C-alpha atoms as a PDB file:
ATOM      1  CA  MET A   1     104.228  13.177 -20.109  1.00  0.00           C
ATOM      2  CA  ILE A   2     103.051  15.928 -17.746  1.00  0.00           C
ATOM      3  CA  GLN A   3     104.132  15.280 -14.170  1.00  0.00           C
ATOM      4  CA  MET A   4     101.834  16.158 -11.257  1.00  0.00           C
ATOM      5  CA  SER A   5     102.656  16.358  -7.580  1.00  0.00           C
ATOM      6  CA  ARG A   6     100.324  14.688  -5.089  1.00  0.00           C
ATOM      7  CA  ALA A   7      99.213  18.153  -3.964  1.00  0.00           C
ATOM      8  CA  GLN A   8      98.219  18.981  -7.554  1.00  0.00           C
ATOM      9  CA  VAL A   9      96.357  15.674  -7.872  1.00  0.00           C
ATOM     10  CA  VAL A  10      94.412  16.327  -4.665  1.00  0.00           C
ATOM     11  CA  ALA A  11      93.602  19.865  -5.830  1.00  0.00           C
ATOM     12  CA  GLN A  12      92.268  18.496  -9.133  1.00  0.00           C
ATOM     13  CA  ILE A  13      90.163  15.926  -7.276  1.00  0.00           C
ATOM     14  CA  ASN A  14      88.681  18.656  -5.095  1.00  0.00           C
ATOM     15  CA  GLU A  15      87.837  20.750  -8.164  1.00  0.00           C
ATOM     16  CA  CYS A  16      86.186  17.778  -9.861  1.00  0.00           C
ATOM     17  CA  GLU A  17      84.092  17.131  -6.756  1.00  0.00           C
ATOM     18  CA  LYS A  18      82.934  20.761  -6.770  1.00  0.00           C
ATOM     19  CA  ARG A  19      81.797  20.327 -10.390  1.00  0.00           C
ATOM     20  CA  GLY A  20      80.220  16.923  -9.763  1.00  0.00           C
ATOM     21  CA  GLU A  21      82.604  15.264 -12.254  1.00  0.00           C
ATOM     22  CA  PHE A  22      83.343  11.989 -10.505  1.00  0.00           C
ATOM     23  CA  ASP A  23      84.653   9.828 -13.362  1.00  0.00           C
ATOM     24  CA  LYS A  24      87.524  12.013 -14.578  1.00  0.00           C
ATOM     25  CA  HIS A  25      90.960  10.389 -14.565  1.00  0.00           C
ATOM     26  CA  ILE A  26      93.402  12.675 -12.744  1.00  0.00           C
ATOM     27  CA  ASP A  27      96.851  11.056 -12.635  1.00  0.00           C
ATOM     28  CA  PRO A  28      98.875  11.556 -15.854  1.00  0.00           C
ATOM     29  CA  VAL A  29      99.326   8.542 -18.152  1.00  0.00           C
ATOM     30  CA  ASP A  30     102.483   7.923 -20.184  1.00  0.00           C
ATOM     31  CA  TYR A  31     100.871   6.565 -23.341  1.00  0.00           C
ATOM     32  CA  SER A  32     104.287   5.877 -24.887  1.00  0.00           C
ATOM     33  CA  MET A  33     104.535   2.989 -22.399  1.00  0.00           C
ATOM     34  CA  VAL A  34     101.109   1.510 -23.198  1.00  0.00           C
ATOM     35  CA  ILE A  35     100.728  -1.732 -25.162  1.00  0.00           C
ATOM     36  CA  PRO A  36      97.420  -1.618 -27.091  1.00  0.00           C
ATOM     37  CA  VAL A  37      94.897  -4.255 -26.002  1.00  0.00           C
ATOM     38  CA  ASP A  38      93.343  -5.932 -29.027  1.00  0.00           C
ATOM     39  CA  GLU A  39      91.809  -9.292 -29.932  1.00  0.00           C
ATOM     40  CA  ASN A  40      95.272 -10.902 -29.769  1.00  0.00           C
ATOM     41  CA  TYR A  41      95.727 -10.128 -26.075  1.00  0.00           C
ATOM     42  CA  HIS A  42      95.630 -13.261 -23.904  1.00  0.00           C
ATOM     43  CA  PHE A  43      92.957 -12.267 -21.390  1.00  0.00           C
ATOM     44  CA  ILE A  44      93.220 -15.827 -20.068  1.00  0.00           C
ATOM     45  CA  LYS A  45      96.758 -17.189 -20.257  1.00  0.00           C
ATOM     46  CA  LYS A  46      97.404 -19.870 -22.868  1.00  0.00           C
ATOM     47  CA  GLY A  47      99.966 -22.591 -23.367  1.00  0.00           C
ATOM     48  CA  PHE A  48     102.391 -24.277 -21.002  1.00  0.00           C
ATOM     49  CA  ILE A  49     105.213 -21.743 -21.377  1.00  0.00           C
ATOM     50  CA  GLU A  50     103.052 -18.665 -20.826  1.00  0.00           C
ATOM     51  CA  LYS A  51     101.172 -20.216 -17.914  1.00  0.00           C
ATOM     52  CA  THR A  52     104.428 -21.370 -16.301  1.00  0.00           C
ATOM     53  CA  LYS A  53     106.098 -17.976 -16.696  1.00  0.00           C
ATOM     54  CA  TYR A  54     103.200 -16.101 -15.107  1.00  0.00           C
ATOM     55  CA  PHE A  55     102.830 -18.726 -12.390  1.00  0.00           C
ATOM     56  CA  PHE A  56     106.405 -18.165 -11.228  1.00  0.00           C
ATOM     57  CA  GLU A  57     106.177 -14.366 -11.536  1.00  0.00           C
ATOM     58  CA  ASN A  58     102.958 -14.379  -9.535  1.00  0.00           C
ATOM     59  CA  THR A  59     104.273 -16.809  -6.915  1.00  0.00           C
ATOM     60  CA  PHE A  60     107.683 -15.239  -6.310  1.00  0.00           C
ATOM     61  CA  ILE A  61     107.060 -11.531  -7.002  1.00  0.00           C
ATOM     62  CA  VAL A  62     103.381 -10.519  -6.980  1.00  0.00           C
ATOM     63  CA  ARG A  63     102.291 -12.581  -3.981  1.00  0.00           C
ATOM     64  CA  PRO A  64     105.235 -11.568  -1.734  1.00  0.00           C
ATOM     65  CA  TYR A  65     104.704  -7.918  -2.703  1.00  0.00           C
ATOM     66  CA  THR A  66     100.989  -8.259  -1.909  1.00  0.00           C
ATOM     67  CA  PHE A  67     101.933  -9.590   1.525  1.00  0.00           C
ATOM     68  CA  TYR A  68     104.415  -6.734   2.098  1.00  0.00           C
ATOM     69  CA  LEU A  69     101.940  -4.094   0.950  1.00  0.00           C
ATOM     70  CA  ASN A  70      99.153  -5.275   3.236  1.00  0.00           C
ATOM     71  CA  LYS A  71     101.216  -6.209   6.288  1.00  0.00           C
ATOM     72  CA  ILE A  72     103.912  -3.521   6.251  1.00  0.00           C
ATOM     73  CA  LYS A  73     102.933  -0.496   4.144  1.00  0.00           C
ATOM     74  CA  PHE A  74      99.129  -0.299   4.314  1.00  0.00           C
ATOM     75  CA  LYS A  75      98.773  -2.391   7.499  1.00  0.00           C
ATOM     76  CA  THR A  76      95.478  -3.575   6.035  1.00  0.00           C
ATOM     77  CA  ARG A  77      92.646  -4.612   8.307  1.00  0.00           C
ATOM     78  CA  ILE A  78      89.614  -6.480   6.960  1.00  0.00           C
ATOM     79  CA  ASN A  79      86.033  -6.079   8.123  1.00  0.00           C
ATOM     80  CA  GLY A  80      83.147  -8.302   7.067  1.00  0.00           C
ATOM     81  CA  LYS A  81      85.121 -11.134   5.509  1.00  0.00           C
ATOM     82  CA  VAL A  82      82.319 -13.461   6.609  1.00  0.00           C
ATOM     83  CA  ASN A  83      80.289 -11.922   3.776  1.00  0.00           C
ATOM     84  CA  ILE A  84      82.373 -13.663   1.101  1.00  0.00           C
ATOM     85  CA  ARG A  85      82.329 -17.134   2.642  1.00  0.00           C
ATOM     86  CA  GLY A  86      80.614 -19.866   0.667  1.00  0.00           C
ATOM     87  CA  ILE A  87      80.328 -17.807  -2.521  1.00  0.00           C
ATOM     88  CA  LYS A  88      81.683 -19.640  -5.562  1.00  0.00           C
ATOM     89  CA  ALA A  89      81.681 -16.892  -8.195  1.00  0.00           C
ATOM     90  CA  ALA A  90      81.063 -13.170  -7.920  1.00  0.00           C
ATOM     91  CA  VAL A  91      81.596  -9.708  -9.287  1.00  0.00           C
ATOM     92  CA  VAL A  92      83.509  -7.773  -6.626  1.00  0.00           C
ATOM     93  CA  THR A  93      83.365  -3.987  -6.544  1.00  0.00           C
ATOM     94  CA  CYS A  94      85.729  -1.588  -4.812  1.00  0.00           C
ATOM     95  CA  ASN A  95      86.314   2.141  -4.635  1.00  0.00           C
ATOM     96  CA  HIS A  96      89.463   3.089  -6.551  1.00  0.00           C
ATOM     97  CA  VAL A  97      91.783   5.080  -4.274  1.00  0.00           C
ATOM     98  CA  ASN A  98      95.315   3.830  -4.950  1.00  0.00           C
ATOM     99  CA  LYS A  99      97.073   2.249  -7.921  1.00  0.00           C
ATOM    100  CA  PHE A 100      97.762  -0.834  -5.788  1.00  0.00           C
ATOM    101  CA  ASP A 101      94.371  -1.152  -4.097  1.00  0.00           C
ATOM    102  CA  CYS A 102      93.629  -4.237  -6.204  1.00  0.00           C
ATOM    103  CA  LEU A 103      96.283  -5.984  -4.101  1.00  0.00           C
ATOM    104  CA  VAL A 104      94.385  -5.008  -0.961  1.00  0.00           C
ATOM    105  CA  VAL A 105      91.360  -6.883  -2.294  1.00  0.00           C
ATOM    106  CA  LYS A 106      93.530  -9.720  -3.593  1.00  0.00           C
ATOM    107  CA  GLY A 107      95.146 -10.071  -0.185  1.00  0.00           C
ATOM    108  CA  ALA A 108      91.715 -10.692   1.317  1.00  0.00           C
ATOM    109  CA  ILE A 109      90.209 -12.902  -1.386  1.00  0.00           C
ATOM    110  CA  GLY A 110      93.238 -14.763  -2.692  1.00  0.00           C
ATOM    111  CA  GLN A 111      94.267 -16.218  -6.010  1.00  0.00           C
ATOM    112  CA  LYS A 112      90.778 -16.770  -7.413  1.00  0.00           C
ATOM    113  CA  LEU A 113      90.493 -12.985  -7.919  1.00  0.00           C
ATOM    114  CA  TYR A 114      90.974 -11.472 -11.381  1.00  0.00           C
ATOM    115  CA  VAL A 115      91.196  -7.705 -11.804  1.00  0.00           C
ATOM    116  CA  THR A 116      89.707  -5.595 -14.589  1.00  0.00           C
ATOM    117  CA  ALA A 117      91.646  -2.481 -15.530  1.00  0.00           C
ATOM    118  CA  ALA A 118      91.637   0.444 -17.947  1.00  0.00           C
ATOM    119  CA  PRO A 119      93.476  -0.227 -21.253  1.00  0.00           C
ATOM    120  CA  PHE A 120      96.372   2.096 -20.350  1.00  0.00           C
ATOM    121  CA  ASN A 121      97.364  -0.240 -17.501  1.00  0.00           C
ATOM    122  CA  ASN A 122      98.677  -2.755 -20.039  1.00  0.00           C
ATOM    123  CA  MET A 123     102.153  -1.272 -19.976  1.00  0.00           C
ATOM    124  CA  LYS A 124     105.624  -2.141 -21.133  1.00  0.00           C
ATOM    125  CA  GLY A 125     108.298  -2.827 -18.558  1.00  0.00           C
ATOM    126  CA  PHE A 126     108.405  -4.524 -15.179  1.00  0.00           C
ATOM    127  CA  LEU A 127     105.234  -3.039 -13.678  1.00  0.00           C
ATOM    128  CA  GLY A 128     103.133  -3.981 -16.696  1.00  0.00           C
ATOM    129  CA  GLU A 129     104.548  -7.496 -16.647  1.00  0.00           C
ATOM    130  CA  MET A 130     103.709  -7.897 -12.956  1.00  0.00           C
ATOM    131  CA  MET A 131     100.169  -6.616 -13.505  1.00  0.00           C
ATOM    132  CA  ARG A 132      99.644  -9.257 -16.180  1.00  0.00           C
ATOM    133  CA  ALA A 133     101.123 -11.879 -13.860  1.00  0.00           C
ATOM    134  CA  GLY A 134      98.717 -10.673 -11.160  1.00  0.00           C
ATOM    135  CA  LYS A 135      95.715 -11.656 -13.326  1.00  0.00           C
ATOM    136  CA  MET A 136      94.878  -8.285 -14.816  1.00  0.00           C
ATOM    137  CA  ILE A 137      92.059  -8.283 -17.376  1.00  0.00           C
ATOM    138  CA  PRO A 138      92.394  -4.962 -19.242  1.00  0.00           C
ATOM    139  CA  LEU A 139      89.528  -3.497 -21.200  1.00  0.00           C
ATOM    140  CA  SER A 140      90.086  -2.867 -24.894  1.00  0.00           C
ATOM    141  CA  GLU A 141      89.384   0.202 -27.005  1.00  0.00           C
ATOM    142  CA  SER A 142      88.552  -1.938 -30.049  1.00  0.00           C
ATOM    143  CA  PHE A 143      85.315  -3.790 -30.785  1.00  0.00           C
ATOM    144  CA  SER A 144      87.106  -7.087 -31.448  1.00  0.00           C
ATOM    145  CA  GLY A 145      89.178  -6.681 -28.289  1.00  0.00           C
ATOM    146  CA  MET A 146      86.102  -6.010 -26.152  1.00  0.00           C
ATOM    147  CA  LYS A 147      84.447  -9.088 -27.633  1.00  0.00           C
ATOM    148  CA  LYS A 148      87.349 -11.182 -26.325  1.00  0.00           C
ATOM    149  CA  PHE A 149      87.235  -9.312 -22.999  1.00  0.00           C
ATOM    150  CA  ASN A 150      83.536 -10.158 -22.632  1.00  0.00           C
ATOM    151  CA  GLN A 151      84.222 -13.808 -23.404  1.00  0.00           C
ATOM    152  CA  ALA A 152      87.006 -13.885 -20.801  1.00  0.00           C
ATOM    153  CA  ILE A 153      84.792 -12.420 -18.064  1.00  0.00           C
ATOM    154  CA  ASP A 154      82.039 -14.928 -18.862  1.00  0.00           C
ATOM    155  CA  THR A 155      84.544 -17.805 -18.808  1.00  0.00           C
ATOM    156  CA  LEU A 156      86.056 -16.777 -15.474  1.00  0.00           C
ATOM    157  CA  LEU A 157      82.705 -16.359 -13.739  1.00  0.00           C
ATOM    158  CA  ASN A 158      81.521 -19.694 -15.114  1.00  0.00           C
ATOM    159  CA  LYS A 159      84.698 -21.268 -13.693  1.00  0.00           C
ATOM    160  CA  ASN A 160      83.821 -19.992 -10.203  1.00  0.00           C
ATOM    161  CA  LYS A 161      86.279 -17.110 -10.107  1.00  0.00           C
ATOM    162  CA  PHE A 162      85.875 -13.658  -8.584  1.00  0.00           C
ATOM    163  CA  VAL A 163      86.300 -10.651 -10.896  1.00  0.00           C
ATOM    164  CA  LEU A 164      87.081  -7.221  -9.462  1.00  0.00           C
ATOM    165  CA  PHE A 165      85.585  -4.139 -11.093  1.00  0.00           C
ATOM    166  CA  TYR A 166      86.016  -0.465 -10.237  1.00  0.00           C
ATOM    167  CA  PRO A 167      82.558   0.944 -11.039  1.00  0.00           C
ATOM    168  CA  GLU A 168      83.650   4.516 -10.264  1.00  0.00           C
ATOM    169  CA  GLN A 169      85.860   4.208 -13.386  1.00  0.00           C
ATOM    170  CA  ALA A 170      88.734   6.533 -12.407  1.00  0.00           C
ATOM    171  CA  MET A 171      91.305   6.280  -9.623  1.00  0.00           C
ATOM    172  CA  TRP A 172      91.166   9.177  -7.146  1.00  0.00           C
ATOM    173  CA  TRP A 173      94.151   9.082  -4.799  1.00  0.00           C
ATOM    174  CA  TYR A 174      93.026   8.487  -1.183  1.00  0.00           C
ATOM    175  CA  TYR A 175      89.566   9.948  -1.833  1.00  0.00           C
ATOM    176  CA  LYS A 176      87.323   8.953   1.064  1.00  0.00           C
ATOM    177  CA  LYS A 177      83.810   9.280  -0.336  1.00  0.00           C
ATOM    178  CA  PRO A 178      81.969   6.774  -2.547  1.00  0.00           C
ATOM    179  CA  ARG A 179      81.419   8.043  -6.091  1.00  0.00           C
ATOM    180  CA  PRO A 180      78.567   7.313  -8.535  1.00  0.00           C
ATOM    181  CA  ASN A 181      78.819   3.901 -10.208  1.00  0.00           C
ATOM    182  CA  LYS A 182      78.836   2.994 -13.896  1.00  0.00           C
ATOM    183  CA  ASN A 183      76.777   0.079 -15.231  1.00  0.00           C
ATOM    184  CA  GLY A 184      79.575  -2.215 -16.468  1.00  0.00           C
ATOM    185  CA  ALA A 185      80.248  -4.373 -13.416  1.00  0.00           C
ATOM    186  CA  PHE A 186      76.564  -4.972 -12.851  1.00  0.00           C
ATOM    187  CA  HIS A 187      75.959  -5.895 -16.488  1.00  0.00           C
ATOM    188  CA  TYR A 188      78.377  -8.813 -16.106  1.00  0.00           C
ATOM    189  CA  ALA A 189      76.823  -9.887 -12.808  1.00  0.00           C
ATOM    190  CA  VAL A 190      73.365 -10.002 -14.392  1.00  0.00           C
ATOM    191  CA  LYS A 191      74.591 -11.665 -17.572  1.00  0.00           C
ATOM    192  CA  ASN A 192      76.284 -14.458 -15.608  1.00  0.00           C
ATOM    193  CA  ASN A 193      73.753 -14.647 -12.757  1.00  0.00           C
ATOM    194  CA  VAL A 194      76.341 -14.111 -10.017  1.00  0.00           C
ATOM    195  CA  PRO A 195      76.124 -11.926  -6.903  1.00  0.00           C
ATOM    196  CA  VAL A 196      77.856  -8.605  -6.421  1.00  0.00           C
ATOM    197  CA  ILE A 197      80.134  -8.337  -3.389  1.00  0.00           C
ATOM    198  CA  PRO A 198      80.572  -4.678  -2.443  1.00  0.00           C
ATOM    199  CA  SER A 199      83.895  -3.783  -0.855  1.00  0.00           C
ATOM    200  CA  PHE A 200      84.915  -0.306   0.229  1.00  0.00           C
ATOM    201  CA  ILE A 201      88.272   0.954   1.483  1.00  0.00           C
ATOM    202  CA  THR A 202      88.328   3.375   4.400  1.00  0.00           C
ATOM    203  CA  PHE A 203      91.329   4.992   6.064  1.00  0.00           C
ATOM    204  CA  VAL A 204      92.724   5.512   9.550  1.00  0.00           C
ATOM    205  CA  GLU A 205      95.317   8.232  10.124  1.00  0.00           C
ATOM    206  CA  THR A 206      98.563   6.759  11.465  1.00  0.00           C
ATOM    207  CA  GLY A 207     100.101  10.037  12.627  1.00  0.00           C
ATOM    208  CA  LYS A 208     103.138   9.422  10.410  1.00  0.00           C
ATOM    209  CA  THR A 209     104.243  11.419   7.380  1.00  0.00           C
ATOM    210  CA  GLY A 210     104.327   9.632   4.035  1.00  0.00           C
ATOM    211  CA  GLU A 211     104.500  10.453   0.338  1.00  0.00           C
ATOM    212  CA  GLU A 212     105.255  14.134  -0.423  1.00  0.00           C
ATOM    213  CA  GLY A 213     104.426  15.177   3.127  1.00  0.00           C
ATOM    214  CA  PHE A 214     100.935  13.681   3.199  1.00  0.00           C
ATOM    215  CA  SER A 215      99.960  11.652   6.245  1.00  0.00           C
ATOM    216  CA  GLN A 216     100.279   7.883   6.077  1.00  0.00           C
ATOM    217  CA  LYS A 217      97.027   5.992   6.293  1.00  0.00           C
ATOM    218  CA  GLN A 218      96.078   2.504   7.365  1.00  0.00           C
ATOM    219  CA  PHE A 219      93.786   0.721   4.915  1.00  0.00           C
ATOM    220  CA  ILE A 220      90.560  -0.854   6.160  1.00  0.00           C
ATOM    221  CA  LEU A 221      88.876  -3.111   3.585  1.00  0.00           C
ATOM    222  CA  ASN A 222      85.181  -3.437   4.366  1.00  0.00           C
ATOM    223  CA  PHE A 223      83.080  -6.162   2.735  1.00  0.00           C
ATOM    224  CA  GLY A 224      79.335  -5.637   2.545  1.00  0.00           C
ATOM    225  CA  LYS A 225      76.753  -8.384   2.238  1.00  0.00           C
ATOM    226  CA  PRO A 226      76.458  -9.980  -1.222  1.00  0.00           C
ATOM    227  CA  ILE A 227      73.770  -8.514  -3.462  1.00  0.00           C
ATOM    228  CA  TYR A 228      71.782 -10.969  -5.576  1.00  0.00           C
ATOM    229  CA  ILE A 229      69.764 -10.282  -8.698  1.00  0.00           C
ATOM    230  CA  LYS A 230      65.990 -10.322  -8.414  1.00  0.00           C
ATOM    231  CA  PRO A 231      64.367 -12.923 -10.713  1.00  0.00           C
ATOM    232  CA  GLU A 232      61.223 -10.817 -11.105  1.00  0.00           C
ATOM    233  CA  LEU A 233      63.171  -7.940 -12.696  1.00  0.00           C
ATOM    234  CA  THR A 234      64.324  -7.581 -16.300  1.00  0.00           C
ATOM    235  CA  ALA A 235      68.058  -7.546 -17.090  1.00  0.00           C
ATOM    236  CA  ARG A 236      68.057  -3.757 -17.413  1.00  0.00           C
ATOM    237  CA  GLU A 237      66.133  -3.346 -14.167  1.00  0.00           C
ATOM    238  CA  ASN A 238      68.513  -5.709 -12.363  1.00  0.00           C
ATOM    239  CA  ILE A 239      71.545  -3.754 -13.555  1.00  0.00           C
ATOM    240  CA  GLU A 240      70.022  -0.581 -12.141  1.00  0.00           C
ATOM    241  CA  TYR A 241      69.029  -2.377  -8.938  1.00  0.00           C
ATOM    242  CA  LEU A 242      72.513  -3.834  -8.370  1.00  0.00           C
ATOM    243  CA  LYS A 243      74.177  -0.500  -9.129  1.00  0.00           C
ATOM    244  CA  ASN A 244      71.983   1.370  -6.658  1.00  0.00           C
ATOM    245  CA  ALA A 245      72.276  -1.338  -3.993  1.00  0.00           C
ATOM    246  CA  ASN A 246      76.074  -1.399  -4.356  1.00  0.00           C
ATOM    247  CA  PHE A 247      76.315   2.370  -3.954  1.00  0.00           C
ATOM    248  CA  GLN A 248      74.002   2.233  -0.948  1.00  0.00           C
ATOM    249  CA  ALA A 249      76.236  -0.429   0.651  1.00  0.00           C
ATOM    250  CA  TRP A 250      79.276   1.788   0.090  1.00  0.00           C
ATOM    251  CA  LYS A 251      77.428   4.806   1.464  1.00  0.00           C
ATOM    252  CA  GLU A 252      76.449   2.935   4.625  1.00  0.00           C
ATOM    253  CA  ILE A 253      80.041   1.779   5.167  1.00  0.00           C
ATOM    254  CA  TYR A 254      81.325   5.334   4.657  1.00  0.00           C
ATOM    255  CA  GLU A 255      78.786   6.945   6.987  1.00  0.00           C
ATOM    256  CA  THR A 256      79.196   4.289   9.678  1.00  0.00           C
ATOM    257  CA  PHE A 257      82.994   4.289   9.595  1.00  0.00           C
ATOM    258  CA  TYR A 258      83.514   8.055   9.532  1.00  0.00           C
ATOM    259  CA  SER A 259      80.395   8.893  11.606  1.00  0.00           C
ATOM    260  CA  LYS A 260      79.317  11.547   9.121  1.00  0.00           C
ATOM    261  CA  LYS A 261      76.652  11.968   6.468  1.00  0.00           C
ATOM    262  CA  LEU A 262      77.766  11.641   2.855  1.00  0.00           C
ATOM    263  CA  GLU A 263      77.770  15.054   1.220  1.00  0.00           C
ATOM    264  CA  TYR A 264      79.702  16.299  -1.795  1.00  0.00           C
ATOM    265  CA  ALA A 265      81.263  19.721  -2.335  1.00  0.00           C
ATOM    266  CA  PHE A 266      78.940  20.576  -5.230  1.00  0.00           C
ATOM    267  CA  GLU A 267      75.937  19.895  -2.970  1.00  0.00           C
ATOM    268  CA  LYS A 268      77.308  22.270  -0.339  1.00  0.00           C
ATOM    269  CA  LEU A 269      77.855  24.939  -3.007  1.00  0.00           C
ATOM    270  CA  LYS A 270      74.262  24.549  -4.191  1.00  0.00           C
ATOM    271  CA  LYS A 271      73.016  25.049  -0.643  1.00  0.00           C
ATOM    272  CA  LYS A 272      75.047  28.254  -0.292  1.00  0.00           C
ATOM    273  CA  THR A 273      73.707  29.698  -3.554  1.00  0.00           C
ATOM    274  CA  THR A 274      70.103  29.021  -2.559  1.00  0.00           C
ATOM    275  CA  ILE A 275      70.367  30.721   0.829  1.00  0.00           C
END
């Protein structure tokens, strides 16, 4: 597996932004550690032994680590938590800026949150085991596997759970700006007639030095108001509506928090070439 420093990752992210390629995965993946996700994967845990094992792993490892991550490492602060009160089931969206940012959202919402993930996150070893214990729902690259994935999402939403999606698709390490959204998350919201809760992570500089000389940042998790489907629209129109409304909510959070207008590098380059 090719190793990349954080400086190389950031440089790649900047180059992708200049090209307007916002869904490219940057961090290297060790595919030798990946367990394929097929129709035999237990998207929802089954049986007494399996449920008991994951209950204890979640209770005594995942939950304490979630607490440590939010209280000690990220020093997470939450804005707008009132926006999730009283909602029984929902599709939750979040910008993807850290491999553990799902635990930032889980720390705010609690144990009713399930987390969708790319297939390569279903790994061998301790980390993969903890991700499964933490209620990861990985996508599948097979038709039969995706059929089971779809059934699992429908079941969870019908059981009044929250399901986290990353509509930007790829994780960009500590990237501040909202990126264009894919349709997937909003398809499931429309299909199951549940609201979308937009959440967006922003950062505050701590003044301390962290990983590979980069500055440490405090995480601020911002919840926007829930977005409901419009009964007068078709399913396709509602998917487009939810996607656009979610991005707009993110954009407003970004512009309000950082006190700056959202503008991408490729837009700036276009302006320069037209002058």
